């Protein structure tokens, strides 16, 4: 097999890798507080870690505690994968929002239990 064949094979394999999105939870293992987030692609979680490590995460309280406790005090886990549909008309953003709302309801990550503020 030549180099060109191998390149074509790798490109095809890359195209076939399914992009999975869904809901993730960042838990502070020191105090049990949780941050619930959604993403269209779980691979972007490395970017989320990067924003926390560089001090640029949009959730200020989570960011402050990340610096205070250090990255080892936190666990990031994927809690639910968005079921992809063959139907192109399914609105991924809306579906993610529904899943996010379900997890927010379930975990109640507000006040002393999390990094979110309750919407009135």
PDB file of N, CA and C in Angstrom:
ATOM      1  N   UNK A   1       0.844  -1.173   0.000  1.00  0.00           N
ATOM      2  CA  UNK A   1       0.000   0.000   0.000  1.00  0.00           C
ATOM      3  C   UNK A   1       0.896   1.245   0.000  1.00  0.00           C
ATOM      4  N   UNK A   2       0.636   2.137  -0.945  1.00  0.00           N
ATOM      5  CA  UNK A   2       1.438   3.353  -1.031  1.00  0.00           C
ATOM      6  C   UNK A   2       0.997   4.385  -0.011  1.00  0.00           C
ATOM      7  N   UNK A   3       1.824   5.440   0.102  1.00  0.00           N
ATOM      8  CA  UNK A   3       1.523   6.520   1.046  1.00  0.00           C
ATOM      9  C   UNK A   3       0.201   7.197   0.714  1.00  0.00           C
ATOM     10  N   UNK A   4      -0.059   7.357  -0.585  1.00  0.00           N
ATOM     11  CA  UNK A   4      -1.273   8.036  -1.018  1.00  0.00           C
ATOM     12  C   UNK A   4      -2.513   7.240  -0.621  1.00  0.00           C
ATOM     13  N   UNK A   5      -2.449   5.907  -0.808  1.00  0.00           N
ATOM     14  CA  UNK A   5      -3.565   5.048  -0.414  1.00  0.00           C
ATOM     15  C   UNK A   5      -3.846   5.186   1.076  1.00  0.00           C
ATOM     16  N   UNK A   6      -2.788   5.188   1.856  1.00  0.00           N
ATOM     17  CA  UNK A   6      -2.921   5.281   3.311  1.00  0.00           C
ATOM     18  C   UNK A   6      -3.584   6.603   3.703  1.00  0.00           C
ATOM     19  N   UNK A   7      -3.167   7.686   3.011  1.00  0.00           N
ATOM     20  CA  UNK A   7      -3.740   9.005   3.278  1.00  0.00           C
ATOM     21  C   UNK A   7      -5.233   9.021   2.988  1.00  0.00           C
ATOM     22  N   UNK A   8      -5.617   8.424   1.869  1.00  0.00           N
ATOM     23  CA  UNK A   8      -7.031   8.361   1.475  1.00  0.00           C
ATOM     24  C   UNK A   8      -7.817   7.562   2.516  1.00  0.00           C
ATOM     25  N   UNK A   9      -7.216   6.474   2.976  1.00  0.00           N
ATOM     26  CA  UNK A   9      -7.852   5.601   3.957  1.00  0.00           C
ATOM     27  C   UNK A   9      -8.077   6.360   5.277  1.00  0.00           C
ATOM     28  N   UNK A  10      -7.065   7.113   5.699  1.00  0.00           N
ATOM     29  CA  UNK A  10      -7.177   7.889   6.942  1.00  0.00           C
ATOM     30  C   UNK A  10      -8.237   8.978   6.819  1.00  0.00           C
ATOM     31  N   UNK A  11      -8.285   9.628   5.663  1.00  0.00           N
ATOM     32  CA  UNK A  11      -9.290  10.666   5.433  1.00  0.00           C
ATOM     33  C   UNK A  11     -10.692  10.091   5.528  1.00  0.00           C
ATOM     34  N   UNK A  12     -10.892   8.925   4.921  1.00  0.00           N
ATOM     35  CA  UNK A  12     -12.198   8.268   4.935  1.00  0.00           C
ATOM     36  C   UNK A  12     -12.573   7.882   6.360  1.00  0.00           C
ATOM     37  N   UNK A  13     -11.629   7.343   7.103  1.00  0.00           N
ATOM     38  CA  UNK A  13     -11.880   6.939   8.484  1.00  0.00           C
ATOM     39  C   UNK A  13     -12.263   8.156   9.316  1.00  0.00           C
ATOM     40  N   UNK A  14     -11.600   9.291   9.062  1.00  0.00           N
ATOM     41  CA  UNK A  14     -11.892  10.516   9.799  1.00  0.00           C
ATOM     42  C   UNK A  14     -13.320  10.978   9.516  1.00  0.00           C
ATOM     43  N   UNK A  15     -13.719  10.899   8.262  1.00  0.00           N
ATOM     44  CA  UNK A  15     -15.073  11.319   7.869  1.00  0.00           C
ATOM     45  C   UNK A  15     -16.134  10.442   8.528  1.00  0.00           C
ATOM     46  N   UNK A  16     -15.788   9.178   8.757  1.00  0.00           N
ATOM     47  CA  UNK A  16     -16.760   8.244   9.302  1.00  0.00           C
ATOM     48  C   UNK A  16     -16.874   8.316  10.826  1.00  0.00           C
ATOM     49  N   UNK A  17     -15.937   9.012  11.467  1.00  0.00           N
ATOM     50  CA  UNK A  17     -16.007   9.155  12.921  1.00  0.00           C
ATOM     51  C   UNK A  17     -17.243   9.980  13.243  1.00  0.00           C
ATOM     52  N   UNK A  18     -18.107   9.392  14.064  1.00  0.00           N
ATOM     53  CA  UNK A  18     -19.341  10.096  14.398  1.00  0.00           C
ATOM     54  C   UNK A  18     -19.059  11.181  15.427  1.00  0.00           C
ATOM     55  N   UNK A  19     -19.614  12.342  15.176  1.00  0.00           N
ATOM     56  CA  UNK A  19     -19.493  13.425  16.137  1.00  0.00           C
ATOM     57  C   UNK A  19     -20.624  13.249  17.137  1.00  0.00           C
ATOM     58  N   UNK A  20     -20.236  13.100  18.388  1.00  0.00           N
ATOM     59  CA  UNK A  20     -21.249  12.911  19.421  1.00  0.00           C
ATOM     60  C   UNK A  20     -21.292  14.121  20.333  1.00  0.00           C
ATOM     61  N   UNK A  21     -22.497  14.562  20.586  1.00  0.00           N
ATOM     62  CA  UNK A  21     -22.700  15.670  21.500  1.00  0.00           C
ATOM     63  C   UNK A  21     -23.625  15.223  22.608  1.00  0.00           C
ATOM     64  N   UNK A  22     -23.841  16.120  23.554  1.00  0.00           N
ATOM     65  CA  UNK A  22     -24.755  15.793  24.634  1.00  0.00           C
ATOM     66  C   UNK A  22     -24.497  16.649  25.849  1.00  0.00           C
ATOM     67  N   UNK A  23     -24.753  16.074  27.002  1.00  0.00           N
ATOM     68  CA  UNK A  23     -24.672  16.800  28.266  1.00  0.00           C
ATOM     69  C   UNK A  23     -23.456  16.315  29.058  1.00  0.00           C
ATOM     70  N   UNK A  24     -22.750  17.278  29.643  1.00  0.00           N
ATOM     71  CA  UNK A  24     -21.619  16.940  30.503  1.00  0.00           C
ATOM     72  C   UNK A  24     -21.775  17.658  31.846  1.00  0.00           C
ATOM     73  N   UNK A  25     -21.136  17.100  32.856  1.00  0.00           N
ATOM     74  CA  UNK A  25     -21.190  17.688  34.184  1.00  0.00           C
ATOM     75  C   UNK A  25     -19.758  17.831  34.695  1.00  0.00           C
ATOM     76  N   UNK A  26     -19.450  19.025  35.199  1.00  0.00           N
ATOM     77  CA  UNK A  26     -18.161  19.265  35.847  1.00  0.00           C
ATOM     78  C   UNK A  26     -18.469  19.300  37.344  1.00  0.00           C
ATOM     79  N   UNK A  27     -17.857  18.396  38.098  1.00  0.00           N
ATOM     80  CA  UNK A  27     -18.119  18.310  39.538  1.00  0.00           C
ATOM     81  C   UNK A  27     -16.874  18.686  40.330  1.00  0.00           C
ATOM     82  N   UNK A  28     -17.068  19.553  41.298  1.00  0.00           N
ATOM     83  CA  UNK A  28     -16.005  19.888  42.231  1.00  0.00           C
ATOM     84  C   UNK A  28     -16.046  18.813  43.316  1.00  0.00           C
ATOM     85  N   UNK A  29     -15.031  17.959  43.343  1.00  0.00           N
ATOM     86  CA  UNK A  29     -15.029  16.829  44.277  1.00  0.00           C
ATOM     87  C   UNK A  29     -14.831  17.272  45.722  1.00  0.00           C
ATOM     88  N   UNK A  30     -14.381  18.507  45.928  1.00  0.00           N
ATOM     89  CA  UNK A  30     -14.168  19.027  47.287  1.00  0.00           C
ATOM     90  C   UNK A  30     -15.479  19.432  47.955  1.00  0.00           C
ATOM     91  N   UNK A  31     -16.378  20.066  47.162  1.00  0.00           N
ATOM     92  CA  UNK A  31     -17.616  20.568  47.777  1.00  0.00           C
ATOM     93  C   UNK A  31     -18.897  20.061  47.105  1.00  0.00           C
ATOM     94  N   UNK A  32     -18.746  19.221  46.080  1.00  0.00           N
ATOM     95  CA  UNK A  32     -19.909  18.606  45.446  1.00  0.00           C
ATOM     96  C   UNK A  32     -20.666  19.509  44.472  1.00  0.00           C
ATOM     97  N   UNK A  33     -20.199  20.741  44.286  1.00  0.00           N
ATOM     98  CA  UNK A  33     -20.901  21.647  43.381  1.00  0.00           C
ATOM     99  C   UNK A  33     -20.746  21.186  41.933  1.00  0.00           C
ATOM    100  N   UNK A  34     -21.813  21.432  41.149  1.00  0.00           N
ATOM    101  CA  UNK A  34     -21.828  20.939  39.770  1.00  0.00           C
ATOM    102  C   UNK A  34     -22.091  22.055  38.768  1.00  0.00           C
ATOM    103  N   UNK A  35     -21.453  21.901  37.610  1.00  0.00           N
ATOM    104  CA  UNK A  35     -21.734  22.758  36.464  1.00  0.00           C
ATOM    105  C   UNK A  35     -22.256  21.822  35.382  1.00  0.00           C
ATOM    106  N   UNK A  36     -23.431  22.133  34.839  1.00  0.00           N
ATOM    107  CA  UNK A  36     -24.029  21.294  33.800  1.00  0.00           C
ATOM    108  C   UNK A  36     -23.945  22.055  32.483  1.00  0.00           C
ATOM    109  N   UNK A  37     -23.409  21.400  31.468  1.00  0.00           N
ATOM    110  CA  UNK A  37     -23.274  22.055  30.170  1.00  0.00           C
ATOM    111  C   UNK A  37     -23.672  21.140  29.040  1.00  0.00           C
ATOM    112  N   UNK A  38     -23.851  21.736  27.873  1.00  0.00           N
ATOM    113  CA  UNK A  38     -24.170  20.936  26.683  1.00  0.00           C
ATOM    114  C   UNK A  38     -23.182  21.284  25.584  1.00  0.00           C
ATOM    115  N   UNK A  39     -22.950  20.333  24.721  1.00  0.00           N
ATOM    116  CA  UNK A  39     -22.052  20.546  23.594  1.00  0.00           C
ATOM    117  C   UNK A  39     -22.529  19.722  22.408  1.00  0.00           C
ATOM    118  N   UNK A  40     -22.294  20.222  21.218  1.00  0.00           N
ATOM    119  CA  UNK A  40     -22.641  19.458  20.018  1.00  0.00           C
ATOM    120  C   UNK A  40     -21.578  18.415  19.704  1.00  0.00           C
ATOM    121  N   UNK A  41     -20.413  18.566  20.351  1.00  0.00           N
ATOM    122  CA  UNK A  41     -19.314  17.651  20.083  1.00  0.00           C
ATOM    123  C   UNK A  41     -18.489  17.489  21.363  1.00  0.00           C
ATOM    124  N   UNK A  42     -18.513  16.290  21.941  1.00  0.00           N
ATOM    125  CA  UNK A  42     -17.790  16.038  23.190  1.00  0.00           C
ATOM    126  C   UNK A  42     -16.289  16.316  23.062  1.00  0.00           C
ATOM    127  N   UNK A  43     -15.771  16.296  21.825  1.00  0.00           N
ATOM    128  CA  UNK A  43     -14.346  16.585  21.639  1.00  0.00           C
ATOM    129  C   UNK A  43     -14.005  18.013  22.078  1.00  0.00           C
ATOM    130  N   UNK A  44     -15.016  18.895  22.135  1.00  0.00           N
ATOM    131  CA  UNK A  44     -14.764  20.280  22.551  1.00  0.00           C
ATOM    132  C   UNK A  44     -14.534  20.403  24.058  1.00  0.00           C
ATOM    133  N   UNK A  45     -14.720  19.311  24.798  1.00  0.00           N
ATOM    134  CA  UNK A  45     -14.485  19.367  26.238  1.00  0.00           C
ATOM    135  C   UNK A  45     -13.028  19.695  26.560  1.00  0.00           C
ATOM    136  N   UNK A  46     -12.109  19.328  25.657  1.00  0.00           N
ATOM    137  CA  UNK A  46     -10.714  19.717  25.859  1.00  0.00           C
ATOM    138  C   UNK A  46     -10.593  21.234  25.820  1.00  0.00           C
ATOM    139  N   UNK A  47     -11.384  21.872  24.963  1.00  0.00           N
ATOM    140  CA  UNK A  47     -11.407  23.327  24.881  1.00  0.00           C
ATOM    141  C   UNK A  47     -11.966  23.935  26.152  1.00  0.00           C
ATOM    142  N   UNK A  48     -12.971  23.267  26.725  1.00  0.00           N
ATOM    143  CA  UNK A  48     -13.566  23.741  27.978  1.00  0.00           C
ATOM    144  C   UNK A  48     -12.517  23.692  29.093  1.00  0.00           C
ATOM    145  N   UNK A  49     -11.766  22.584  29.149  1.00  0.00           N
ATOM    146  CA  UNK A  49     -10.691  22.470  30.142  1.00  0.00           C
ATOM    147  C   UNK A  49      -9.668  23.580  29.927  1.00  0.00           C
ATOM    148  N   UNK A  50      -9.361  23.844  28.665  1.00  0.00           N
ATOM    149  CA  UNK A  50      -8.380  24.872  28.327  1.00  0.00           C
ATOM    150  C   UNK A  50      -8.841  26.244  28.820  1.00  0.00           C
ATOM    151  N   UNK A  51     -10.138  26.573  28.623  1.00  0.00           N
ATOM    152  CA  UNK A  51     -10.632  27.876  29.079  1.00  0.00           C
ATOM    153  C   UNK A  51     -10.525  27.981  30.601  1.00  0.00           C
ATOM    154  N   UNK A  52     -10.769  26.883  31.297  1.00  0.00           N
ATOM    155  CA  UNK A  52     -10.650  26.892  32.758  1.00  0.00           C
ATOM    156  C   UNK A  52      -9.188  27.073  33.184  1.00  0.00           C
ATOM    157  N   UNK A  53      -8.305  26.390  32.468  1.00  0.00           N
ATOM    158  CA  UNK A  53      -6.888  26.463  32.825  1.00  0.00           C
ATOM    159  C   UNK A  53      -6.286  27.829  32.494  1.00  0.00           C
ATOM    160  N   UNK A  54      -6.854  28.527  31.507  1.00  0.00           N
ATOM    161  CA  UNK A  54      -6.329  29.842  31.134  1.00  0.00           C
ATOM    162  C   UNK A  54      -7.119  30.978  31.774  1.00  0.00           C
ATOM    163  N   UNK A  55      -8.118  30.624  32.582  1.00  0.00           N
ATOM    164  CA  UNK A  55      -8.872  31.640  33.312  1.00  0.00           C
ATOM    165  C   UNK A  55      -9.896  32.394  32.482  1.00  0.00           C
ATOM    166  N   UNK A  56     -10.376  31.768  31.397  1.00  0.00           N
ATOM    167  CA  UNK A  56     -11.300  32.482  30.507  1.00  0.00           C
ATOM    168  C   UNK A  56     -12.694  31.849  30.420  1.00  0.00           C
ATOM    169  N   UNK A  57     -13.019  30.938  31.333  1.00  0.00           N
ATOM    170  CA  UNK A  57     -14.343  30.314  31.297  1.00  0.00           C
ATOM    171  C   UNK A  57     -15.412  31.349  31.621  1.00  0.00           C
ATOM    172  N   UNK A  58     -16.562  31.230  30.979  1.00  0.00           N
ATOM    173  CA  UNK A  58     -17.622  32.236  31.136  1.00  0.00           C
ATOM    174  C   UNK A  58     -18.321  32.176  32.491  1.00  0.00           C
ATOM    175  N   UNK A  59     -18.262  31.036  33.185  1.00  0.00           N
ATOM    176  CA  UNK A  59     -18.881  30.951  34.505  1.00  0.00           C
ATOM    177  C   UNK A  59     -17.833  31.373  35.545  1.00  0.00           C
ATOM    178  N   UNK A  60     -18.005  32.577  36.081  1.00  0.00           N
ATOM    179  CA  UNK A  60     -16.992  33.164  36.971  1.00  0.00           C
ATOM    180  C   UNK A  60     -16.778  32.374  38.258  1.00  0.00           C
ATOM    181  N   UNK A  61     -17.867  31.868  38.853  1.00  0.00           N
ATOM    182  CA  UNK A  61     -17.736  31.148  40.127  1.00  0.00           C
ATOM    183  C   UNK A  61     -16.977  29.834  39.912  1.00  0.00           C
ATOM    184  N   UNK A  62     -17.348  29.124  38.852  1.00  0.00           N
ATOM    185  CA  UNK A  62     -16.637  27.884  38.512  1.00  0.00           C
ATOM    186  C   UNK A  62     -15.162  28.208  38.274  1.00  0.00           C
ATOM    187  N   UNK A  63     -14.907  29.280  37.533  1.00  0.00           N
ATOM    188  CA  UNK A  63     -13.539  29.679  37.220  1.00  0.00           C
ATOM    189  C   UNK A  63     -12.739  29.981  38.491  1.00  0.00           C
ATOM    190  N   UNK A  64     -13.362  30.721  39.424  1.00  0.00           N
ATOM    191  CA  UNK A  64     -12.678  31.067  40.683  1.00  0.00           C
ATOM    192  C   UNK A  64     -12.331  29.817  41.475  1.00  0.00           C
ATOM    193  N   UNK A  65     -13.279  28.881  41.548  1.00  0.00           N
ATOM    194  CA  UNK A  65     -13.036  27.663  42.329  1.00  0.00           C
ATOM    195  C   UNK A  65     -12.022  26.745  41.639  1.00  0.00           C
ATOM    196  N   UNK A  66     -11.988  26.772  40.306  1.00  0.00           N
ATOM    197  CA  UNK A  66     -10.995  25.983  39.555  1.00  0.00           C
ATOM    198  C   UNK A  66      -9.602  26.445  39.969  1.00  0.00           C
ATOM    199  N   UNK A  67      -9.424  27.775  40.071  1.00  0.00           N
ATOM    200  CA  UNK A  67      -8.128  28.316  40.499  1.00  0.00           C
ATOM    201  C   UNK A  67      -7.865  28.023  41.973  1.00  0.00           C
ATOM    202  N   UNK A  68      -8.896  28.134  42.782  1.00  0.00           N
ATOM    203  CA  UNK A  68      -8.768  27.929  44.225  1.00  0.00           C
ATOM    204  C   UNK A  68      -8.407  26.484  44.564  1.00  0.00           C
ATOM    205  N   UNK A  69      -9.137  25.519  43.975  1.00  0.00           N
ATOM    206  CA  UNK A  69      -8.952  24.108  44.317  1.00  0.00           C
ATOM    207  C   UNK A  69      -7.965  23.374  43.409  1.00  0.00           C
ATOM    208  N   UNK A  70      -7.767  23.886  42.194  1.00  0.00           N
ATOM    209  CA  UNK A  70      -6.892  23.216  41.247  1.00  0.00           C
ATOM    210  C   UNK A  70      -7.646  22.203  40.403  1.00  0.00           C
ATOM    211  N   UNK A  71      -7.130  21.926  39.219  1.00  0.00           N
ATOM    212  CA  UNK A  71      -7.850  21.076  38.256  1.00  0.00           C
ATOM    213  C   UNK A  71      -8.102  19.656  38.760  1.00  0.00           C
ATOM    214  N   UNK A  72      -7.239  19.158  39.647  1.00  0.00           N
ATOM    215  CA  UNK A  72      -7.414  17.783  40.138  1.00  0.00           C
ATOM    216  C   UNK A  72      -8.621  17.630  41.056  1.00  0.00           C
ATOM    217  N   UNK A  73      -9.168  18.750  41.510  1.00  0.00           N
ATOM    218  CA  UNK A  73     -10.339  18.702  42.383  1.00  0.00           C
ATOM    219  C   UNK A  73     -11.619  18.554  41.570  1.00  0.00           C
ATOM    220  N   UNK A  74     -11.493  18.593  40.239  1.00  0.00           N
ATOM    221  CA  UNK A  74     -12.670  18.550  39.385  1.00  0.00           C
ATOM    222  C   UNK A  74     -12.706  17.309  38.515  1.00  0.00           C
ATOM    223  N   UNK A  75     -13.928  16.876  38.266  1.00  0.00           N
ATOM    224  CA  UNK A  75     -14.152  15.714  37.404  1.00  0.00           C
ATOM    225  C   UNK A  75     -15.114  16.165  36.311  1.00  0.00           C
ATOM    226  N   UNK A  76     -14.789  15.821  35.087  1.00  0.00           N
ATOM    227  CA  UNK A  76     -15.674  16.154  33.967  1.00  0.00           C
ATOM    228  C   UNK A  76     -16.175  14.847  33.383  1.00  0.00           C
ATOM    229  N   UNK A  77     -17.511  14.701  33.360  1.00  0.00           N
ATOM    230  CA  UNK A  77     -18.046  13.451  32.807  1.00  0.00           C
ATOM    231  C   UNK A  77     -19.178  13.722  31.825  1.00  0.00           C
ATOM    232  N   UNK A  78     -19.242  12.860  30.830  1.00  0.00           N
ATOM    233  CA  UNK A  78     -20.334  12.910  29.863  1.00  0.00           C
ATOM    234  C   UNK A  78     -21.485  12.121  30.475  1.00  0.00           C
ATOM    235  N   UNK A  79     -22.636  12.774  30.682  1.00  0.00           N
ATOM    236  CA  UNK A  79     -23.723  12.073  31.357  1.00  0.00           C
ATOM    237  C   UNK A  79     -24.810  11.589  30.409  1.00  0.00           C
ATOM    238  N   UNK A  80     -24.932  12.222  29.241  1.00  0.00           N
ATOM    239  CA  UNK A  80     -25.924  11.736  28.279  1.00  0.00           C
ATOM    240  C   UNK A  80     -25.521  12.156  26.871  1.00  0.00           C
ATOM    241  N   UNK A  81     -25.605  11.205  25.974  1.00  0.00           N
ATOM    242  CA  UNK A  81     -25.267  11.471  24.582  1.00  0.00           C
ATOM    243  C   UNK A  81     -26.542  11.766  23.813  1.00  0.00           C
ATOM    244  N   UNK A  82     -26.491  12.805  23.003  1.00  0.00           N
ATOM    245  CA  UNK A  82     -27.631  13.165  22.168  1.00  0.00           C
ATOM    246  C   UNK A  82     -27.808  12.084  21.119  1.00  0.00           C
ATOM    247  N   UNK A  83     -28.997  11.526  21.047  1.00  0.00           N
ATOM    248  CA  UNK A  83     -29.261  10.484  20.039  1.00  0.00           C
ATOM    249  C   UNK A  83     -29.392  11.182  18.698  1.00  0.00           C
ATOM    250  N   UNK A  84     -28.507  10.808  17.786  1.00  0.00           N
ATOM    251  CA  UNK A  84     -28.576  11.435  16.467  1.00  0.00           C
ATOM    252  C   UNK A  84     -29.635  10.742  15.649  1.00  0.00           C
ATOM    253  N   UNK A  85     -30.308  11.527  14.879  1.00  0.00           N
ATOM    254  CA  UNK A  85     -31.409  11.011  14.078  1.00  0.00           C
ATOM    255  C   UNK A  85     -31.026  11.041  12.605  1.00  0.00           C
ATOM    256  N   UNK A  86     -31.591  10.130  11.867  1.00  0.00           N
ATOM    257  CA  UNK A  86     -31.377  10.130  10.421  1.00  0.00           C
ATOM    258  C   UNK A  86     -32.152  11.295   9.809  1.00  0.00           C
ATOM    259  N   UNK A  87     -33.096  11.805  10.569  1.00  0.00           N
ATOM    260  CA  UNK A  87     -33.945  12.896  10.110  1.00  0.00           C
ATOM    261  C   UNK A  87     -33.176  14.210  10.223  1.00  0.00           C
ATOM    262  N   UNK A  88     -32.852  14.818   9.080  1.00  0.00           N
ATOM    263  CA  UNK A  88     -32.071  16.052   9.091  1.00  0.00           C
ATOM    264  C   UNK A  88     -32.863  17.218   9.671  1.00  0.00           C
ATOM    265  N   UNK A  89     -34.174  17.065   9.769  1.00  0.00           N
ATOM    266  CA  UNK A  89     -34.996  18.176  10.241  1.00  0.00           C
ATOM    267  C   UNK A  89     -35.049  18.279  11.754  1.00  0.00           C
ATOM    268  N   UNK A  90     -34.426  17.334  12.447  1.00  0.00           N
ATOM    269  CA  UNK A  90     -34.386  17.398  13.896  1.00  0.00           C
ATOM    270  C   UNK A  90     -33.438  18.539  14.264  1.00  0.00           C
ATOM    271  N   UNK A  91     -33.918  19.457  15.076  1.00  0.00           N
ATOM    272  CA  UNK A  91     -33.114  20.599  15.487  1.00  0.00           C
ATOM    273  C   UNK A  91     -32.223  20.190  16.657  1.00  0.00           C
ATOM    274  N   UNK A  92     -30.947  19.978  16.339  1.00  0.00           N
ATOM    275  CA  UNK A  92     -29.980  19.519  17.339  1.00  0.00           C
ATOM    276  C   UNK A  92     -29.920  20.464  18.536  1.00  0.00           C
ATOM    277  N   UNK A  93     -29.945  21.759  18.247  1.00  0.00           N
ATOM    278  CA  UNK A  93     -29.846  22.769  19.296  1.00  0.00           C
ATOM    279  C   UNK A  93     -31.023  22.657  20.267  1.00  0.00           C
ATOM    280  N   UNK A  94     -32.227  22.475  19.701  1.00  0.00           N
ATOM    281  CA  UNK A  94     -33.433  22.343  20.542  1.00  0.00           C
ATOM    282  C   UNK A  94     -33.379  21.067  21.369  1.00  0.00           C
ATOM    283  N   UNK A  95     -32.930  19.991  20.738  1.00  0.00           N
ATOM    284  CA  UNK A  95     -32.845  18.709  21.438  1.00  0.00           C
ATOM    285  C   UNK A  95     -31.842  18.791  22.592  1.00  0.00           C
ATOM    286  N   UNK A  96     -30.713  19.455  22.344  1.00  0.00           N
ATOM    287  CA  UNK A  96     -29.705  19.631  23.402  1.00  0.00           C
ATOM    288  C   UNK A  96     -30.281  20.456  24.543  1.00  0.00           C
ATOM    289  N   UNK A  97     -31.049  21.489  24.180  1.00  0.00           N
ATOM    290  CA  UNK A  97     -31.669  22.350  25.192  1.00  0.00           C
ATOM    291  C   UNK A  97     -32.621  21.546  26.083  1.00  0.00           C
ATOM    292  N   UNK A  98     -33.400  20.650  25.447  1.00  0.00           N
ATOM    293  CA  UNK A  98     -34.327  19.799  26.217  1.00  0.00           C
ATOM    294  C   UNK A  98     -33.554  18.906  27.189  1.00  0.00           C
ATOM    295  N   UNK A  99     -32.471  18.299  26.684  1.00  0.00           N
ATOM    296  CA  UNK A  99     -31.650  17.432  27.543  1.00  0.00           C
ATOM    297  C   UNK A  99     -31.037  18.233  28.686  1.00  0.00           C
ATOM    298  N   UNK A 100     -30.548  19.417  28.360  1.00  0.00           N
ATOM    299  CA  UNK A 100     -29.924  20.274  29.374  1.00  0.00           C
ATOM    300  C   UNK A 100     -30.937  20.625  30.459  1.00  0.00           C
ATOM    301  N   UNK A 101     -32.145  21.002  30.043  1.00  0.00           N
ATOM    302  CA  UNK A 101     -33.193  21.339  31.010  1.00  0.00           C
ATOM    303  C   UNK A 101     -33.523  20.157  31.911  1.00  0.00           C
ATOM    304  N   UNK A 102     -33.568  18.956  31.313  1.00  0.00           N
ATOM    305  CA  UNK A 102     -33.852  17.740  32.087  1.00  0.00           C
ATOM    306  C   UNK A 102     -32.788  17.535  33.175  1.00  0.00           C
ATOM    307  N   UNK A 103     -31.519  17.685  32.813  1.00  0.00           N
ATOM    308  CA  UNK A 103     -30.425  17.483  33.769  1.00  0.00           C
ATOM    309  C   UNK A 103     -30.375  18.582  34.817  1.00  0.00           C
ATOM    310  N   UNK A 104     -30.707  19.816  34.413  1.00  0.00           N
ATOM    311  CA  UNK A 104     -30.738  20.926  35.374  1.00  0.00           C
ATOM    312  C   UNK A 104     -31.824  20.654  36.416  1.00  0.00           C
ATOM    313  N   UNK A 105     -32.959  20.162  35.923  1.00  0.00           N
ATOM    314  CA  UNK A 105     -34.090  19.837  36.804  1.00  0.00           C
ATOM    315  C   UNK A 105     -33.695  18.718  37.768  1.00  0.00           C
ATOM    316  N   UNK A 106     -33.033  17.711  37.214  1.00  0.00           N
ATOM    317  CA  UNK A 106     -32.643  16.531  37.988  1.00  0.00           C
ATOM    318  C   UNK A 106     -31.575  16.848  39.043  1.00  0.00           C
ATOM    319  N   UNK A 107     -30.543  17.595  38.648  1.00  0.00           N
ATOM    320  CA  UNK A 107     -29.413  17.840  39.550  1.00  0.00           C
ATOM    321  C   UNK A 107     -29.564  19.101  40.406  1.00  0.00           C
ATOM    322  N   UNK A 108     -30.402  20.037  39.951  1.00  0.00           N
ATOM    323  CA  UNK A 108     -30.598  21.301  40.683  1.00  0.00           C
ATOM    324  C   UNK A 108     -29.254  21.942  41.080  1.00  0.00           C
ATOM    325  N   UNK A 109     -28.398  22.246  40.095  1.00  0.00           N
ATOM    326  CA  UNK A 109     -27.055  22.765  40.414  1.00  0.00           C
ATOM    327  C   UNK A 109     -27.053  24.263  40.730  1.00  0.00           C
ATOM    328  N   UNK A 110     -27.864  24.653  41.707  1.00  0.00           N
ATOM    329  CA  UNK A 110     -28.003  26.069  42.052  1.00  0.00           C
ATOM    330  C   UNK A 110     -27.517  26.328  43.469  1.00  0.00           C
ATOM    331  N   UNK A 111     -27.161  27.566  43.741  1.00  0.00           N
ATOM    332  CA  UNK A 111     -26.758  27.953  45.095  1.00  0.00           C
ATOM    333  C   UNK A 111     -25.577  27.152  45.589  1.00  0.00           C
ATOM    334  N   UNK A 112     -25.742  26.508  46.741  1.00  0.00           N
ATOM    335  CA  UNK A 112     -24.632  25.750  47.322  1.00  0.00           C
ATOM    336  C   UNK A 112     -24.394  24.427  46.597  1.00  0.00           C
ATOM    337  N   UNK A 113     -25.319  24.038  45.712  1.00  0.00           N
ATOM    338  CA  UNK A 113     -25.186  22.753  45.006  1.00  0.00           C
ATOM    339  C   UNK A 113     -24.546  22.885  43.633  1.00  0.00           C
ATOM    340  N   UNK A 114     -24.315  24.139  43.205  1.00  0.00           N
ATOM    341  CA  UNK A 114     -23.763  24.256  41.864  1.00  0.00           C
ATOM    342  C   UNK A 114     -23.334  25.648  41.487  1.00  0.00           C
ATOM    343  N   UNK A 115     -23.057  25.781  40.193  1.00  0.00           N
ATOM    344  CA  UNK A 115     -22.488  27.011  39.655  1.00  0.00           C
ATOM    345  C   UNK A 115     -23.488  27.807  38.818  1.00  0.00           C
ATOM    346  N   UNK A 116     -24.762  27.440  38.893  1.00  0.00           N
ATOM    347  CA  UNK A 116     -25.771  28.108  38.091  1.00  0.00           C
ATOM    348  C   UNK A 116     -26.659  28.971  38.974  1.00  0.00           C
ATOM    349  N   UNK A 117     -27.252  30.002  38.367  1.00  0.00           N
ATOM    350  CA  UNK A 117     -28.239  30.800  39.086  1.00  0.00           C
ATOM    351  C   UNK A 117     -29.595  30.458  38.485  1.00  0.00           C
ATOM    352  N   UNK A 118     -30.566  30.343  39.340  1.00  0.00           N
ATOM    353  CA  UNK A 118     -31.905  29.961  38.902  1.00  0.00           C
ATOM    354  C   UNK A 118     -32.549  31.091  38.114  1.00  0.00           C
ATOM    355  N   UNK A 119     -33.127  30.746  36.973  1.00  0.00           N
ATOM    356  CA  UNK A 119     -33.836  31.741  36.183  1.00  0.00           C
ATOM    357  C   UNK A 119     -35.244  31.868  36.783  1.00  0.00           C
ATOM    358  N   UNK A 120     -35.645  33.082  37.033  1.00  0.00           N
ATOM    359  CA  UNK A 120     -36.994  33.312  37.605  1.00  0.00           C
ATOM    360  C   UNK A 120     -38.043  33.286  36.519  1.00  0.00           C
TER     361      UNK A 120
END
